């Protein structure tokens, strides 16, 4: 019995003749489904979520550390909080490709005929992707500690920073979920990440302090949502975060969710309707 049939059986088990599956149970089922699908490509997920980011951190730290901060140890204090952002943001693309894959394979049409809370098929994968974010963040943090990173904000500040990054990644994932609904092929979702994510990540204060840039570049970089979030994360990990910095980061996340979550669900539910 394939995974889709198993899912169908699981959802129907929770149904009664006059009662639809609850939102919680439906979401839990789709979270389980996402985990099962991830098992089919464990090596690929390991390379992207762990190995590639460790290599990237080593390259940035050892190549730019001496030139930018005078030493690797000094630079890693500035670099690591930003690298944690680079670590998880590209992983949010999976949210969109998962949705698009279901639609292109026709699985979506089957889901639509089943009596469960339909947004669960979107929300389940988005929540489950948090596992991938946690593994990637812990790998990057462990590598940074080996390279000399010492969070002055202590354990509490570090945990709060990582939770904030996961929340930010969750908000970003709704953008790609929207793209996943409207895209014709999963490859389109992946390709769009190059256009959206990477210019924003590298035109930010992740690698270099914006204060060292020309004034007009500073304005652009400081208005970049990723720069705002990176500043919040640095403040939390260093113990110097201000209320304004934290509020600014949370506001960015809430804005993305407020715009793209309803839009994604609306487009998903109305897809195929004439």
C-alpha atoms as a PDB file:
ATOM      1  CA  UNK A   1       0.000   0.000   0.000  1.00  0.00           C
ATOM      2  CA  UNK A   2       1.531   3.334  -1.020  1.00  0.00           C
ATOM      3  CA  UNK A   3       1.832   6.412   1.172  1.00  0.00           C
ATOM      4  CA  UNK A   4      -1.143   8.209  -0.374  1.00  0.00           C
ATOM      5  CA  UNK A   5      -3.462   5.258   0.258  1.00  0.00           C
ATOM      6  CA  UNK A   6      -2.138   5.010   3.789  1.00  0.00           C
ATOM      7  CA  UNK A   7      -2.836   8.698   4.306  1.00  0.00           C
ATOM      8  CA  UNK A   8      -6.340   8.305   2.933  1.00  0.00           C
ATOM      9  CA  UNK A   9      -6.989   5.449   5.310  1.00  0.00           C
ATOM     10  CA  UNK A  10      -5.609   7.410   8.231  1.00  0.00           C
ATOM     11  CA  UNK A  11      -7.789  10.427   7.530  1.00  0.00           C
ATOM     12  CA  UNK A  12     -10.931   8.395   6.962  1.00  0.00           C
ATOM     13  CA  UNK A  13     -10.351   6.547  10.221  1.00  0.00           C
ATOM     14  CA  UNK A  14     -10.860   9.808  12.096  1.00  0.00           C
ATOM     15  CA  UNK A  15     -14.085  10.638  10.273  1.00  0.00           C
ATOM     16  CA  UNK A  16     -17.596   9.967  11.360  1.00  0.00           C
ATOM     17  CA  UNK A  17     -20.610  10.109   9.023  1.00  0.00           C
ATOM     18  CA  UNK A  18     -21.525  13.620  10.139  1.00  0.00           C
ATOM     19  CA  UNK A  19     -18.185  14.927  11.350  1.00  0.00           C
ATOM     20  CA  UNK A  20     -15.099  16.080   9.503  1.00  0.00           C
ATOM     21  CA  UNK A  21     -11.579  15.353  10.700  1.00  0.00           C
ATOM     22  CA  UNK A  22     -10.449  18.042  13.141  1.00  0.00           C
ATOM     23  CA  UNK A  23      -7.815  20.579  12.117  1.00  0.00           C
ATOM     24  CA  UNK A  24      -5.349  19.223  14.693  1.00  0.00           C
ATOM     25  CA  UNK A  25      -5.694  15.590  13.635  1.00  0.00           C
ATOM     26  CA  UNK A  26      -5.503  16.424   9.940  1.00  0.00           C
ATOM     27  CA  UNK A  27      -2.398  18.572  10.457  1.00  0.00           C
ATOM     28  CA  UNK A  28      -0.795  15.835  12.532  1.00  0.00           C
ATOM     29  CA  UNK A  29      -1.414  13.320   9.743  1.00  0.00           C
ATOM     30  CA  UNK A  30       0.237  15.533   7.153  1.00  0.00           C
ATOM     31  CA  UNK A  31       3.179  16.116   9.475  1.00  0.00           C
ATOM     32  CA  UNK A  32       3.589  12.339   9.673  1.00  0.00           C
ATOM     33  CA  UNK A  33       3.338  12.114   5.891  1.00  0.00           C
ATOM     34  CA  UNK A  34       6.096  14.705   5.451  1.00  0.00           C
ATOM     35  CA  UNK A  35       8.387  12.816   7.811  1.00  0.00           C
ATOM     36  CA  UNK A  36       7.810   9.584   5.884  1.00  0.00           C
ATOM     37  CA  UNK A  37       8.585  11.303   2.580  1.00  0.00           C
ATOM     38  CA  UNK A  38      11.785  12.783   4.022  1.00  0.00           C
ATOM     39  CA  UNK A  39      13.093   9.314   4.832  1.00  0.00           C
ATOM     40  CA  UNK A  40      13.395   8.634   1.108  1.00  0.00           C
ATOM     41  CA  UNK A  41      16.121  11.265   0.707  1.00  0.00           C
ATOM     42  CA  UNK A  42      18.007  11.315   3.991  1.00  0.00           C
ATOM     43  CA  UNK A  43      21.416  11.657   2.353  1.00  0.00           C
ATOM     44  CA  UNK A  44      20.299  14.618   0.245  1.00  0.00           C
ATOM     45  CA  UNK A  45      18.833  16.355   3.284  1.00  0.00           C
ATOM     46  CA  UNK A  46      22.019  15.678   5.257  1.00  0.00           C
ATOM     47  CA  UNK A  47      24.227  17.185   2.553  1.00  0.00           C
ATOM     48  CA  UNK A  48      22.094  20.304   2.199  1.00  0.00           C
ATOM     49  CA  UNK A  49      21.164  20.872   5.834  1.00  0.00           C
ATOM     50  CA  UNK A  50      24.466  19.908   7.463  1.00  0.00           C
ATOM     51  CA  UNK A  51      27.470  19.303   5.240  1.00  0.00           C
ATOM     52  CA  UNK A  52      27.053  22.242   2.851  1.00  0.00           C
ATOM     53  CA  UNK A  53      26.537  24.810   5.609  1.00  0.00           C
ATOM     54  CA  UNK A  54      29.548  23.543   7.583  1.00  0.00           C
ATOM     55  CA  UNK A  55      31.710  23.941   4.477  1.00  0.00           C
ATOM     56  CA  UNK A  56      30.258  27.411   3.873  1.00  0.00           C
ATOM     57  CA  UNK A  57      30.973  28.497   7.445  1.00  0.00           C
ATOM     58  CA  UNK A  58      34.553  27.269   7.207  1.00  0.00           C
ATOM     59  CA  UNK A  59      35.088  29.043   3.882  1.00  0.00           C
ATOM     60  CA  UNK A  60      33.644  32.369   5.035  1.00  0.00           C
ATOM     61  CA  UNK A  61      35.414  32.217   8.395  1.00  0.00           C
ATOM     62  CA  UNK A  62      38.887  31.327   7.178  1.00  0.00           C
ATOM     63  CA  UNK A  63      38.832  33.347   3.945  1.00  0.00           C
ATOM     64  CA  UNK A  64      37.334  36.590   5.241  1.00  0.00           C
ATOM     65  CA  UNK A  65      38.092  36.466   8.972  1.00  0.00           C
ATOM     66  CA  UNK A  66      41.562  37.982   8.838  1.00  0.00           C
ATOM     67  CA  UNK A  67      40.702  40.614   6.220  1.00  0.00           C
ATOM     68  CA  UNK A  68      37.477  41.831   7.856  1.00  0.00           C
ATOM     69  CA  UNK A  69      38.045  41.469  11.604  1.00  0.00           C
ATOM     70  CA  UNK A  70      41.742  40.730  11.976  1.00  0.00           C
ATOM     71  CA  UNK A  71      41.246  37.143  13.129  1.00  0.00           C
ATOM     72  CA  UNK A  72      38.934  34.207  12.664  1.00  0.00           C
ATOM     73  CA  UNK A  73      37.934  34.249  16.342  1.00  0.00           C
ATOM     74  CA  UNK A  74      36.874  37.893  16.199  1.00  0.00           C
ATOM     75  CA  UNK A  75      35.012  37.491  12.901  1.00  0.00           C
ATOM     76  CA  UNK A  76      33.145  34.360  13.937  1.00  0.00           C
ATOM     77  CA  UNK A  77      31.431  36.362  16.705  1.00  0.00           C
ATOM     78  CA  UNK A  78      29.954  38.602  14.022  1.00  0.00           C
ATOM     79  CA  UNK A  79      29.549  35.983  11.308  1.00  0.00           C
ATOM     80  CA  UNK A  80      27.822  33.051  13.017  1.00  0.00           C
ATOM     81  CA  UNK A  81      24.454  34.686  13.820  1.00  0.00           C
ATOM     82  CA  UNK A  82      24.182  35.671  10.156  1.00  0.00           C
ATOM     83  CA  UNK A  83      25.242  32.239   8.944  1.00  0.00           C
ATOM     84  CA  UNK A  84      22.426  30.736  10.999  1.00  0.00           C
ATOM     85  CA  UNK A  85      20.058  32.796   8.846  1.00  0.00           C
ATOM     86  CA  UNK A  86      21.778  31.605   5.653  1.00  0.00           C
ATOM     87  CA  UNK A  87      21.476  28.076   7.014  1.00  0.00           C
ATOM     88  CA  UNK A  88      17.702  27.890   7.258  1.00  0.00           C
ATOM     89  CA  UNK A  89      16.339  30.360   4.705  1.00  0.00           C
ATOM     90  CA  UNK A  90      17.210  28.264   1.610  1.00  0.00           C
ATOM     91  CA  UNK A  91      15.601  25.235   3.275  1.00  0.00           C
ATOM     92  CA  UNK A  92      12.225  26.992   3.244  1.00  0.00           C
ATOM     93  CA  UNK A  93      12.024  26.328  -0.488  1.00  0.00           C
ATOM     94  CA  UNK A  94      11.088  22.710   0.302  1.00  0.00           C
ATOM     95  CA  UNK A  95       7.719  23.928   1.553  1.00  0.00           C
ATOM     96  CA  UNK A  96       6.800  25.190  -1.896  1.00  0.00           C
ATOM     97  CA  UNK A  97       8.214  22.252  -3.830  1.00  0.00           C
ATOM     98  CA  UNK A  98       6.300  19.772  -1.635  1.00  0.00           C
ATOM     99  CA  UNK A  99       2.996  21.513  -2.339  1.00  0.00           C
ATOM    100  CA  UNK A 100       3.730  21.885  -6.043  1.00  0.00           C
ATOM    101  CA  UNK A 101       4.708  18.215  -6.304  1.00  0.00           C
ATOM    102  CA  UNK A 102       1.377  17.135  -4.808  1.00  0.00           C
ATOM    103  CA  UNK A 103      -0.497  19.332  -7.265  1.00  0.00           C
ATOM    104  CA  UNK A 104       1.424  18.248 -10.369  1.00  0.00           C
ATOM    105  CA  UNK A 105       1.124  14.557  -9.459  1.00  0.00           C
ATOM    106  CA  UNK A 106      -2.618  14.857  -8.970  1.00  0.00           C
ATOM    107  CA  UNK A 107      -2.489  14.001  -5.271  1.00  0.00           C
ATOM    108  CA  UNK A 108      -4.059  17.390  -4.566  1.00  0.00           C
ATOM    109  CA  UNK A 109      -7.204  16.363  -6.479  1.00  0.00           C
ATOM    110  CA  UNK A 110      -7.600  13.344  -4.255  1.00  0.00           C
ATOM    111  CA  UNK A 111      -7.082  15.380  -1.098  1.00  0.00           C
ATOM    112  CA  UNK A 112      -9.747  17.832  -2.218  1.00  0.00           C
ATOM    113  CA  UNK A 113     -12.399  15.101  -2.295  1.00  0.00           C
ATOM    114  CA  UNK A 114     -11.602  13.926   1.243  1.00  0.00           C
ATOM    115  CA  UNK A 115     -13.522  15.300   4.252  1.00  0.00           C
ATOM    116  CA  UNK A 116     -10.731  16.850   6.304  1.00  0.00           C
ATOM    117  CA  UNK A 117      -9.557  20.371   7.122  1.00  0.00           C
ATOM    118  CA  UNK A 118      -7.935  21.201   3.767  1.00  0.00           C
ATOM    119  CA  UNK A 119      -5.322  23.749   4.974  1.00  0.00           C
ATOM    120  CA  UNK A 120      -3.710  20.871   6.902  1.00  0.00           C
ATOM    121  CA  UNK A 121      -2.116  19.673   3.650  1.00  0.00           C
ATOM    122  CA  UNK A 122      -0.164  22.957   3.624  1.00  0.00           C
ATOM    123  CA  UNK A 123       0.349  23.557   7.321  1.00  0.00           C
ATOM    124  CA  UNK A 124       1.564  20.036   8.079  1.00  0.00           C
ATOM    125  CA  UNK A 125       4.646  20.163   5.820  1.00  0.00           C
ATOM    126  CA  UNK A 126       5.467  23.733   6.899  1.00  0.00           C
ATOM    127  CA  UNK A 127       5.506  22.757  10.579  1.00  0.00           C
ATOM    128  CA  UNK A 128       7.448  19.544   9.991  1.00  0.00           C
ATOM    129  CA  UNK A 129      10.167  21.459   8.145  1.00  0.00           C
ATOM    130  CA  UNK A 130      11.046  22.867  11.571  1.00  0.00           C
ATOM    131  CA  UNK A 131      12.849  19.581  12.275  1.00  0.00           C
ATOM    132  CA  UNK A 132      15.132  20.247   9.332  1.00  0.00           C
ATOM    133  CA  UNK A 133      15.743  23.801  10.567  1.00  0.00           C
ATOM    134  CA  UNK A 134      16.689  22.602  14.054  1.00  0.00           C
ATOM    135  CA  UNK A 135      19.196  20.040  12.736  1.00  0.00           C
ATOM    136  CA  UNK A 136      20.794  22.622  10.459  1.00  0.00           C
ATOM    137  CA  UNK A 137      20.975  25.270  13.195  1.00  0.00           C
ATOM    138  CA  UNK A 138      22.543  22.918  15.718  1.00  0.00           C
ATOM    139  CA  UNK A 139      25.133  21.793  13.152  1.00  0.00           C
ATOM    140  CA  UNK A 140      26.092  25.387  12.327  1.00  0.00           C
ATOM    141  CA  UNK A 141      26.197  26.394  16.000  1.00  0.00           C
ATOM    142  CA  UNK A 142      28.373  23.408  16.949  1.00  0.00           C
ATOM    143  CA  UNK A 143      30.776  24.195  14.091  1.00  0.00           C
ATOM    144  CA  UNK A 144      30.913  27.852  15.133  1.00  0.00           C
ATOM    145  CA  UNK A 145      31.725  26.919  18.743  1.00  0.00           C
ATOM    146  CA  UNK A 146      34.607  24.763  17.512  1.00  0.00           C
ATOM    147  CA  UNK A 147      35.860  27.769  15.517  1.00  0.00           C
ATOM    148  CA  UNK A 148      35.760  29.974  18.616  1.00  0.00           C
ATOM    149  CA  UNK A 149      32.252  31.395  18.786  1.00  0.00           C
ATOM    150  CA  UNK A 150      31.157  32.285  22.325  1.00  0.00           C
ATOM    151  CA  UNK A 151      27.632  33.730  22.698  1.00  0.00           C
ATOM    152  CA  UNK A 152      27.785  36.499  25.296  1.00  0.00           C
ATOM    153  CA  UNK A 153      24.010  36.262  25.657  1.00  0.00           C
ATOM    154  CA  UNK A 154      24.479  32.829  27.201  1.00  0.00           C
ATOM    155  CA  UNK A 155      22.334  29.748  26.753  1.00  0.00           C
ATOM    156  CA  UNK A 156      19.067  31.656  27.122  1.00  0.00           C
ATOM    157  CA  UNK A 157      20.019  34.212  24.486  1.00  0.00           C
ATOM    158  CA  UNK A 158      21.173  31.483  22.112  1.00  0.00           C
ATOM    159  CA  UNK A 159      17.971  29.468  22.507  1.00  0.00           C
ATOM    160  CA  UNK A 160      15.823  32.557  21.998  1.00  0.00           C
ATOM    161  CA  UNK A 161      17.817  33.438  18.888  1.00  0.00           C
ATOM    162  CA  UNK A 162      17.363  29.964  17.416  1.00  0.00           C
ATOM    163  CA  UNK A 163      13.634  29.962  18.173  1.00  0.00           C
ATOM    164  CA  UNK A 164      13.373  33.342  16.506  1.00  0.00           C
ATOM    165  CA  UNK A 165      15.202  32.043  13.406  1.00  0.00           C
ATOM    166  CA  UNK A 166      12.820  29.084  13.189  1.00  0.00           C
ATOM    167  CA  UNK A 167       9.879  31.475  13.418  1.00  0.00           C
ATOM    168  CA  UNK A 168      11.418  33.593  10.660  1.00  0.00           C
ATOM    169  CA  UNK A 169      11.946  30.520   8.483  1.00  0.00           C
ATOM    170  CA  UNK A 170       8.317  29.527   9.062  1.00  0.00           C
ATOM    171  CA  UNK A 171       7.190  32.970   7.890  1.00  0.00           C
ATOM    172  CA  UNK A 172       9.427  32.799   4.800  1.00  0.00           C
ATOM    173  CA  UNK A 173       8.131  29.317   3.970  1.00  0.00           C
ATOM    174  CA  UNK A 174       4.675  30.801   3.332  1.00  0.00           C
ATOM    175  CA  UNK A 175       6.146  32.840   0.472  1.00  0.00           C
ATOM    176  CA  UNK A 176       7.370  29.691  -1.248  1.00  0.00           C
ATOM    177  CA  UNK A 177       4.155  27.900  -0.383  1.00  0.00           C
ATOM    178  CA  UNK A 178       2.351  30.587  -2.390  1.00  0.00           C
ATOM    179  CA  UNK A 179       4.743  30.076  -5.274  1.00  0.00           C
ATOM    180  CA  UNK A 180       4.300  26.309  -4.950  1.00  0.00           C
ATOM    181  CA  UNK A 181       0.550  26.627  -5.430  1.00  0.00           C
ATOM    182  CA  UNK A 182       0.757  28.748  -8.568  1.00  0.00           C
ATOM    183  CA  UNK A 183       3.875  27.190 -10.143  1.00  0.00           C
ATOM    184  CA  UNK A 184       3.457  24.655 -12.943  1.00  0.00           C
ATOM    185  CA  UNK A 185       6.475  22.565 -11.956  1.00  0.00           C
ATOM    186  CA  UNK A 186       8.470  21.988  -8.728  1.00  0.00           C
ATOM    187  CA  UNK A 187      11.598  23.110 -10.587  1.00  0.00           C
ATOM    188  CA  UNK A 188      10.036  26.544 -10.959  1.00  0.00           C
ATOM    189  CA  UNK A 189       9.805  26.883  -7.190  1.00  0.00           C
ATOM    190  CA  UNK A 190      13.447  25.888  -6.769  1.00  0.00           C
ATOM    191  CA  UNK A 191      14.551  28.254  -9.515  1.00  0.00           C
ATOM    192  CA  UNK A 192      12.689  31.168  -7.985  1.00  0.00           C
ATOM    193  CA  UNK A 193      14.743  30.787  -4.802  1.00  0.00           C
ATOM    194  CA  UNK A 194      17.833  31.917  -6.707  1.00  0.00           C
ATOM    195  CA  UNK A 195      16.061  35.099  -7.723  1.00  0.00           C
ATOM    196  CA  UNK A 196      14.429  35.878  -4.372  1.00  0.00           C
ATOM    197  CA  UNK A 197      16.629  34.500  -1.608  1.00  0.00           C
ATOM    198  CA  UNK A 198      20.244  34.918  -2.645  1.00  0.00           C
ATOM    199  CA  UNK A 199      20.200  38.602  -3.630  1.00  0.00           C
ATOM    200  CA  UNK A 200      18.499  39.367  -0.303  1.00  0.00           C
ATOM    201  CA  UNK A 201      20.969  37.280   1.706  1.00  0.00           C
ATOM    202  CA  UNK A 202      24.118  38.712   0.171  1.00  0.00           C
ATOM    203  CA  UNK A 203      22.811  42.301  -0.018  1.00  0.00           C
ATOM    204  CA  UNK A 204      22.487  42.268   3.761  1.00  0.00           C
ATOM    205  CA  UNK A 205      24.592  42.691   6.909  1.00  0.00           C
ATOM    206  CA  UNK A 206      25.193  38.943   7.290  1.00  0.00           C
ATOM    207  CA  UNK A 207      28.825  38.971   6.138  1.00  0.00           C
ATOM    208  CA  UNK A 208      29.813  42.617   6.609  1.00  0.00           C
ATOM    209  CA  UNK A 209      28.675  45.396   8.934  1.00  0.00           C
ATOM    210  CA  UNK A 210      26.554  47.847   6.963  1.00  0.00           C
ATOM    211  CA  UNK A 211      28.332  50.737   8.724  1.00  0.00           C
ATOM    212  CA  UNK A 212      31.364  50.101   6.507  1.00  0.00           C
ATOM    213  CA  UNK A 213      29.334  50.589   3.316  1.00  0.00           C
ATOM    214  CA  UNK A 214      28.614  53.772   1.331  1.00  0.00           C
ATOM    215  CA  UNK A 215      25.641  55.698   2.659  1.00  0.00           C
ATOM    216  CA  UNK A 216      23.234  54.833  -0.165  1.00  0.00           C
ATOM    217  CA  UNK A 217      24.146  51.152   0.125  1.00  0.00           C
ATOM    218  CA  UNK A 218      23.604  51.294   3.892  1.00  0.00           C
ATOM    219  CA  UNK A 219      20.027  52.475   3.371  1.00  0.00           C
ATOM    220  CA  UNK A 220      19.258  49.567   1.036  1.00  0.00           C
ATOM    221  CA  UNK A 221      20.972  46.975   3.234  1.00  0.00           C
ATOM    222  CA  UNK A 222      19.372  48.214   6.457  1.00  0.00           C
ATOM    223  CA  UNK A 223      15.895  48.035   4.910  1.00  0.00           C
ATOM    224  CA  UNK A 224      16.476  44.445   3.800  1.00  0.00           C
ATOM    225  CA  UNK A 225      14.221  42.163   5.913  1.00  0.00           C
ATOM    226  CA  UNK A 226      17.069  39.682   6.323  1.00  0.00           C
ATOM    227  CA  UNK A 227      19.290  42.457   7.721  1.00  0.00           C
ATOM    228  CA  UNK A 228      16.599  43.387  10.230  1.00  0.00           C
ATOM    229  CA  UNK A 229      16.233  39.777  11.371  1.00  0.00           C
ATOM    230  CA  UNK A 230      20.017  39.263  11.477  1.00  0.00           C
ATOM    231  CA  UNK A 231      20.382  42.317  13.712  1.00  0.00           C
ATOM    232  CA  UNK A 232      17.762  40.865  16.071  1.00  0.00           C
ATOM    233  CA  UNK A 233      19.543  37.496  16.176  1.00  0.00           C
ATOM    234  CA  UNK A 234      22.944  39.100  16.800  1.00  0.00           C
ATOM    235  CA  UNK A 235      21.469  41.125  19.627  1.00  0.00           C
ATOM    236  CA  UNK A 236      19.920  38.061  21.258  1.00  0.00           C
ATOM    237  CA  UNK A 237      23.113  35.994  21.001  1.00  0.00           C
ATOM    238  CA  UNK A 238      25.324  38.823  22.251  1.00  0.00           C
ATOM    239  CA  UNK A 239      22.934  39.890  25.008  1.00  0.00           C
ATOM    240  CA  UNK A 240      22.592  43.424  23.616  1.00  0.00           C
ATOM    241  CA  UNK A 241      19.226  43.157  21.846  1.00  0.00           C
ATOM    242  CA  UNK A 242      17.004  46.193  22.233  1.00  0.00           C
ATOM    243  CA  UNK A 243      13.228  46.179  22.305  1.00  0.00           C
ATOM    244  CA  UNK A 244      13.189  47.964  18.950  1.00  0.00           C
ATOM    245  CA  UNK A 245      15.425  45.327  17.329  1.00  0.00           C
ATOM    246  CA  UNK A 246      13.317  42.432  18.594  1.00  0.00           C
ATOM    247  CA  UNK A 247      10.064  44.181  17.693  1.00  0.00           C
ATOM    248  CA  UNK A 248      11.384  44.921  14.208  1.00  0.00           C
ATOM    249  CA  UNK A 249      12.285  41.268  13.620  1.00  0.00           C
ATOM    250  CA  UNK A 250       8.946  39.998  14.895  1.00  0.00           C
ATOM    251  CA  UNK A 251       7.096  42.572  12.799  1.00  0.00           C
ATOM    252  CA  UNK A 252       8.817  41.298   9.631  1.00  0.00           C
ATOM    253  CA  UNK A 253       7.784  37.708  10.417  1.00  0.00           C
ATOM    254  CA  UNK A 254       4.201  38.648  11.230  1.00  0.00           C
ATOM    255  CA  UNK A 255       3.943  40.716   8.053  1.00  0.00           C
ATOM    256  CA  UNK A 256       5.008  37.782   5.865  1.00  0.00           C
ATOM    257  CA  UNK A 257       2.573  35.436   7.590  1.00  0.00           C
ATOM    258  CA  UNK A 258      -0.288  37.956   7.466  1.00  0.00           C
ATOM    259  CA  UNK A 259       0.159  38.423   3.715  1.00  0.00           C
ATOM    260  CA  UNK A 260       1.178  35.032   2.393  1.00  0.00           C
ATOM    261  CA  UNK A 261      -0.578  32.550   4.714  1.00  0.00           C
ATOM    262  CA  UNK A 262      -4.129  33.656   3.767  1.00  0.00           C
ATOM    263  CA  UNK A 263      -3.064  34.087   0.146  1.00  0.00           C
ATOM    264  CA  UNK A 264      -1.602  30.576  -0.023  1.00  0.00           C
ATOM    265  CA  UNK A 265      -4.663  28.962   1.523  1.00  0.00           C
ATOM    266  CA  UNK A 266      -7.038  30.936  -0.702  1.00  0.00           C
ATOM    267  CA  UNK A 267      -5.144  30.010  -3.877  1.00  0.00           C
ATOM    268  CA  UNK A 268      -4.871  26.385  -2.772  1.00  0.00           C
ATOM    269  CA  UNK A 269      -8.541  25.992  -1.940  1.00  0.00           C
ATOM    270  CA  UNK A 270      -9.713  27.781  -5.083  1.00  0.00           C
ATOM    271  CA  UNK A 271      -7.321  25.959  -7.398  1.00  0.00           C
ATOM    272  CA  UNK A 272      -9.206  24.037 -10.068  1.00  0.00           C
ATOM    273  CA  UNK A 273     -12.494  25.777  -9.365  1.00  0.00           C
ATOM    274  CA  UNK A 274     -14.203  27.305 -12.331  1.00  0.00           C
END
